[in-house]
Amino acid sequence: MELKYQKILEKYKNIAGKWYVRVAISDTEAIFLKFQTEPTEMVIKQEVSKFIKNKRQAKIRELESINQQISSLQDRKEFLESEIASRPQV
């Protein structure tokens, strides 16, 4: 599922003067963004783009970590297999 700006679902100013915007980024996912001043649609799209980029980067980092763990486990497995194979059976 590709995440991208779809549409503004709601936009409001709270009692403290902060602007909140809820934006659909897929058919099943929406995000809230907070702004100091009333945002234009272009500013909202830029923030959505940043959010999606950061989310993608987090997934890339997680995948790299998992690949590193798999590699370490594979090395450990090979070491243990060689240890077992080289020991005489009792």
N, C-alpha and C. Protein backbone atom coordinates (compact mmCIF):
# COMPACT_ATOMS: atom_id res chain seq x y z
N MET A 1 0.84 -1.17 0.00
CA MET A 1 0.00 0.00 0.00
C MET A 1 0.89 1.24 0.00
N GLU A 2 0.70 2.07 -0.98
CA GLU A 2 1.49 3.30 -1.09
C GLU A 2 0.86 4.40 -0.25
N LEU A 3 1.69 5.03 0.56
CA LEU A 3 1.23 6.16 1.36
C LEU A 3 1.47 7.44 0.57
N LYS A 4 0.47 8.31 0.54
CA LYS A 4 0.60 9.61 -0.12
C LYS A 4 -0.52 10.51 0.35
N TYR A 5 -0.34 11.79 0.16
CA TYR A 5 -1.39 12.75 0.49
C TYR A 5 -2.62 12.43 -0.35
N GLN A 6 -3.76 12.28 0.32
CA GLN A 6 -5.01 12.06 -0.40
C GLN A 6 -5.94 13.26 -0.26
N LYS A 7 -6.27 13.57 1.00
CA LYS A 7 -7.14 14.73 1.21
C LYS A 7 -7.13 15.13 2.69
N ILE A 8 -7.54 16.37 2.93
CA ILE A 8 -7.70 16.87 4.29
C ILE A 8 -9.06 16.40 4.80
N LEU A 9 -9.04 15.71 5.92
CA LEU A 9 -10.28 15.21 6.51
C LEU A 9 -10.90 16.23 7.46
N GLU A 10 -10.04 16.92 8.19
CA GLU A 10 -10.53 17.99 9.07
C GLU A 10 -9.39 18.95 9.39
N LYS A 11 -9.78 20.17 9.71
CA LYS A 11 -8.81 21.21 10.01
C LYS A 11 -9.46 22.13 11.04
N TYR A 12 -8.78 22.31 12.18
CA TYR A 12 -9.37 23.18 13.20
C TYR A 12 -8.30 23.84 14.06
N LYS A 13 -8.71 24.91 14.71
CA LYS A 13 -7.84 25.67 15.60
C LYS A 13 -8.32 25.41 17.03
N ASN A 14 -7.38 25.01 17.90
CA ASN A 14 -7.79 24.75 19.29
C ASN A 14 -7.80 26.03 20.10
N ILE A 15 -8.18 25.92 21.35
CA ILE A 15 -8.34 27.08 22.21
C ILE A 15 -7.02 27.81 22.45
N ALA A 16 -5.90 27.10 22.33
CA ALA A 16 -4.58 27.71 22.51
C ALA A 16 -4.05 28.34 21.22
N GLY A 17 -4.82 28.25 20.16
CA GLY A 17 -4.42 28.88 18.91
C GLY A 17 -3.59 28.00 17.98
N LYS A 18 -3.45 26.73 18.31
CA LYS A 18 -2.70 25.81 17.46
C LYS A 18 -3.65 25.20 16.42
N TRP A 19 -3.12 24.99 15.22
CA TRP A 19 -3.91 24.41 14.14
C TRP A 19 -3.63 22.92 14.05
N TYR A 20 -4.68 22.14 13.93
CA TYR A 20 -4.57 20.69 13.76
C TYR A 20 -5.24 20.31 12.45
N VAL A 21 -4.57 19.41 11.73
CA VAL A 21 -5.10 18.96 10.45
C VAL A 21 -5.02 17.44 10.44
N ARG A 22 -6.12 16.80 10.12
CA ARG A 22 -6.13 15.34 9.94
C ARG A 22 -6.17 15.08 8.44
N VAL A 23 -5.17 14.29 7.99
CA VAL A 23 -4.98 14.07 6.56
C VAL A 23 -5.02 12.57 6.26
N ALA A 24 -5.79 12.19 5.25
CA ALA A 24 -5.79 10.80 4.78
C ALA A 24 -4.53 10.59 3.95
N ILE A 25 -3.79 9.49 4.27
CA ILE A 25 -2.59 9.16 3.50
C ILE A 25 -2.72 7.80 2.82
N SER A 26 -3.82 7.12 3.07
CA SER A 26 -4.17 5.88 2.36
C SER A 26 -5.66 5.67 2.57
N ASP A 27 -6.17 4.59 2.04
CA ASP A 27 -7.60 4.30 2.22
C ASP A 27 -7.94 3.95 3.67
N THR A 28 -6.92 3.51 4.44
CA THR A 28 -7.16 3.06 5.81
C THR A 28 -6.36 3.80 6.87
N GLU A 29 -5.58 4.81 6.47
CA GLU A 29 -4.71 5.48 7.43
C GLU A 29 -4.79 7.00 7.28
N ALA A 30 -4.82 7.66 8.44
CA ALA A 30 -4.81 9.13 8.48
C ALA A 30 -3.84 9.56 9.57
N ILE A 31 -3.32 10.76 9.42
CA ILE A 31 -2.40 11.29 10.42
C ILE A 31 -2.87 12.68 10.85
N PHE A 32 -2.47 13.06 12.07
CA PHE A 32 -2.72 14.41 12.57
C PHE A 32 -1.42 15.19 12.47
N LEU A 33 -1.53 16.42 12.02
CA LEU A 33 -0.40 17.33 11.97
C LEU A 33 -0.77 18.57 12.78
N LYS A 34 0.25 19.18 13.43
CA LYS A 34 0.02 20.36 14.24
C LYS A 34 0.85 21.51 13.69
N PHE A 35 0.25 22.69 13.64
CA PHE A 35 0.90 23.88 13.10
C PHE A 35 0.70 25.06 14.05
N GLN A 36 1.66 25.99 14.02
CA GLN A 36 1.56 27.19 14.84
C GLN A 36 0.59 28.21 14.23
N THR A 37 0.56 28.23 12.89
CA THR A 37 -0.33 29.15 12.17
C THR A 37 -1.17 28.34 11.19
N GLU A 38 -2.21 28.95 10.66
CA GLU A 38 -3.07 28.23 9.72
C GLU A 38 -2.26 27.81 8.49
N PRO A 39 -2.19 26.50 8.23
CA PRO A 39 -1.38 26.03 7.10
C PRO A 39 -2.13 26.08 5.78
N THR A 40 -1.37 26.30 4.72
CA THR A 40 -1.94 26.20 3.37
C THR A 40 -1.91 24.73 2.97
N GLU A 41 -2.61 24.40 1.90
CA GLU A 41 -2.60 23.02 1.42
C GLU A 41 -1.19 22.61 1.00
N MET A 42 -0.42 23.53 0.44
CA MET A 42 0.93 23.22 0.02
C MET A 42 1.81 22.88 1.24
N VAL A 43 1.68 23.63 2.31
CA VAL A 43 2.45 23.35 3.54
C VAL A 43 2.04 22.00 4.11
N ILE A 44 0.76 21.71 4.09
CA ILE A 44 0.27 20.42 4.59
C ILE A 44 0.85 19.28 3.76
N LYS A 45 0.84 19.43 2.45
CA LYS A 45 1.40 18.40 1.57
C LYS A 45 2.89 18.19 1.84
N GLN A 46 3.62 19.27 2.10
CA GLN A 46 5.05 19.17 2.41
C GLN A 46 5.27 18.38 3.70
N GLU A 47 4.45 18.66 4.71
CA GLU A 47 4.58 17.96 5.99
C GLU A 47 4.21 16.49 5.85
N VAL A 48 3.19 16.19 5.06
CA VAL A 48 2.82 14.80 4.81
C VAL A 48 3.98 14.09 4.11
N SER A 49 4.58 14.75 3.15
CA SER A 49 5.72 14.17 2.44
C SER A 49 6.87 13.86 3.40
N LYS A 50 7.16 14.79 4.32
CA LYS A 50 8.21 14.56 5.33
C LYS A 50 7.86 13.37 6.21
N PHE A 51 6.59 13.29 6.64
CA PHE A 51 6.14 12.21 7.49
C PHE A 51 6.35 10.86 6.79
N ILE A 52 5.92 10.78 5.53
CA ILE A 52 6.03 9.53 4.78
C ILE A 52 7.49 9.16 4.56
N LYS A 53 8.32 10.15 4.26
CA LYS A 53 9.75 9.89 4.07
C LYS A 53 10.37 9.37 5.36
N ASN A 54 10.05 9.98 6.49
CA ASN A 54 10.58 9.52 7.78
C ASN A 54 10.11 8.11 8.12
N LYS A 55 8.86 7.83 7.82
CA LYS A 55 8.33 6.49 8.07
C LYS A 55 9.05 5.45 7.22
N ARG A 56 9.32 5.79 5.96
CA ARG A 56 10.04 4.89 5.07
C ARG A 56 11.46 4.68 5.56
N GLN A 57 12.12 5.75 5.99
CA GLN A 57 13.49 5.64 6.51
C GLN A 57 13.53 4.75 7.75
N ALA A 58 12.53 4.86 8.60
CA ALA A 58 12.47 4.02 9.80
C ALA A 58 12.34 2.54 9.41
N LYS A 59 11.55 2.26 8.38
CA LYS A 59 11.41 0.88 7.91
C LYS A 59 12.72 0.37 7.32
N ILE A 60 13.43 1.23 6.60
CA ILE A 60 14.72 0.84 6.04
C ILE A 60 15.71 0.52 7.16
N ARG A 61 15.76 1.36 8.19
CA ARG A 61 16.65 1.10 9.33
C ARG A 61 16.28 -0.20 10.03
N GLU A 62 14.98 -0.45 10.20
CA GLU A 62 14.54 -1.69 10.84
C GLU A 62 14.96 -2.89 9.99
N LEU A 63 14.79 -2.80 8.69
CA LEU A 63 15.17 -3.89 7.80
C LEU A 63 16.68 -4.15 7.86
N GLU A 64 17.48 -3.09 7.88
CA GLU A 64 18.93 -3.25 8.01
C GLU A 64 19.29 -3.94 9.32
N SER A 65 18.62 -3.57 10.39
CA SER A 65 18.87 -4.19 11.69
C SER A 65 18.50 -5.67 11.65
N ILE A 66 17.38 -6.00 11.07
CA ILE A 66 16.95 -7.39 10.96
C ILE A 66 17.95 -8.18 10.11
N ASN A 67 18.39 -7.61 9.00
CA ASN A 67 19.37 -8.30 8.16
C ASN A 67 20.67 -8.54 8.91
N GLN A 68 21.08 -7.58 9.72
CA GLN A 68 22.29 -7.75 10.52
C GLN A 68 22.10 -8.87 11.54
N GLN A 69 20.94 -8.91 12.19
CA GLN A 69 20.66 -9.97 13.15
C GLN A 69 20.65 -11.34 12.47
N ILE A 70 20.06 -11.42 11.29
CA ILE A 70 20.03 -12.68 10.54
C ILE A 70 21.45 -13.12 10.21
N SER A 71 22.27 -12.18 9.76
CA SER A 71 23.66 -12.50 9.44
C SER A 71 24.41 -13.01 10.66
N SER A 72 24.23 -12.35 11.79
CA SER A 72 24.88 -12.78 13.03
C SER A 72 24.41 -14.16 13.45
N LEU A 73 23.12 -14.40 13.34
CA LEU A 73 22.58 -15.71 13.69
C LEU A 73 23.09 -16.79 12.74
N GLN A 74 23.20 -16.47 11.45
CA GLN A 74 23.72 -17.42 10.48
C GLN A 74 25.18 -17.77 10.80
N ASP A 75 25.97 -16.76 11.15
CA ASP A 75 27.37 -17.01 11.54
C ASP A 75 27.43 -17.90 12.78
N ARG A 76 26.60 -17.61 13.76
CA ARG A 76 26.57 -18.42 14.99
C ARG A 76 26.13 -19.84 14.69
N LYS A 77 25.14 -20.00 13.83
CA LYS A 77 24.66 -21.33 13.44
C LYS A 77 25.77 -22.14 12.78
N GLU A 78 26.49 -21.50 11.85
CA GLU A 78 27.58 -22.19 11.17
C GLU A 78 28.68 -22.59 12.15
N PHE A 79 28.99 -21.72 13.11
CA PHE A 79 29.99 -22.03 14.12
C PHE A 79 29.55 -23.24 14.94
N LEU A 80 28.32 -23.24 15.41
CA LEU A 80 27.83 -24.35 16.21
C LEU A 80 27.80 -25.65 15.42
N GLU A 81 27.40 -25.58 14.16
CA GLU A 81 27.38 -26.78 13.33
C GLU A 81 28.79 -27.34 13.15
N SER A 82 29.77 -26.45 12.98
CA SER A 82 31.15 -26.93 12.84
C SER A 82 31.67 -27.51 14.15
N GLU A 83 31.28 -26.93 15.26
CA GLU A 83 31.66 -27.46 16.57
C GLU A 83 31.08 -28.86 16.78
N ILE A 84 29.85 -29.02 16.43
CA ILE A 84 29.17 -30.32 16.60
C ILE A 84 29.80 -31.36 15.68
N ALA A 85 30.08 -30.97 14.45
CA ALA A 85 30.64 -31.92 13.46
C ALA A 85 32.06 -32.34 13.82
N SER A 86 32.84 -31.45 14.46
CA SER A 86 34.23 -31.76 14.74
C SER A 86 34.42 -32.52 16.05
N ARG A 87 33.43 -32.59 16.88
CA ARG A 87 33.54 -33.30 18.15
C ARG A 87 33.23 -34.78 17.95
N PRO A 88 34.01 -35.64 18.57
CA PRO A 88 33.73 -37.07 18.43
C PRO A 88 32.42 -37.44 19.12
N GLN A 89 31.70 -38.36 18.49
CA GLN A 89 30.44 -38.84 19.06
C GLN A 89 30.74 -39.80 20.20
N VAL A 90 30.03 -39.72 21.30
CA VAL A 90 30.23 -40.60 22.45
C VAL A 90 29.21 -41.69 22.45
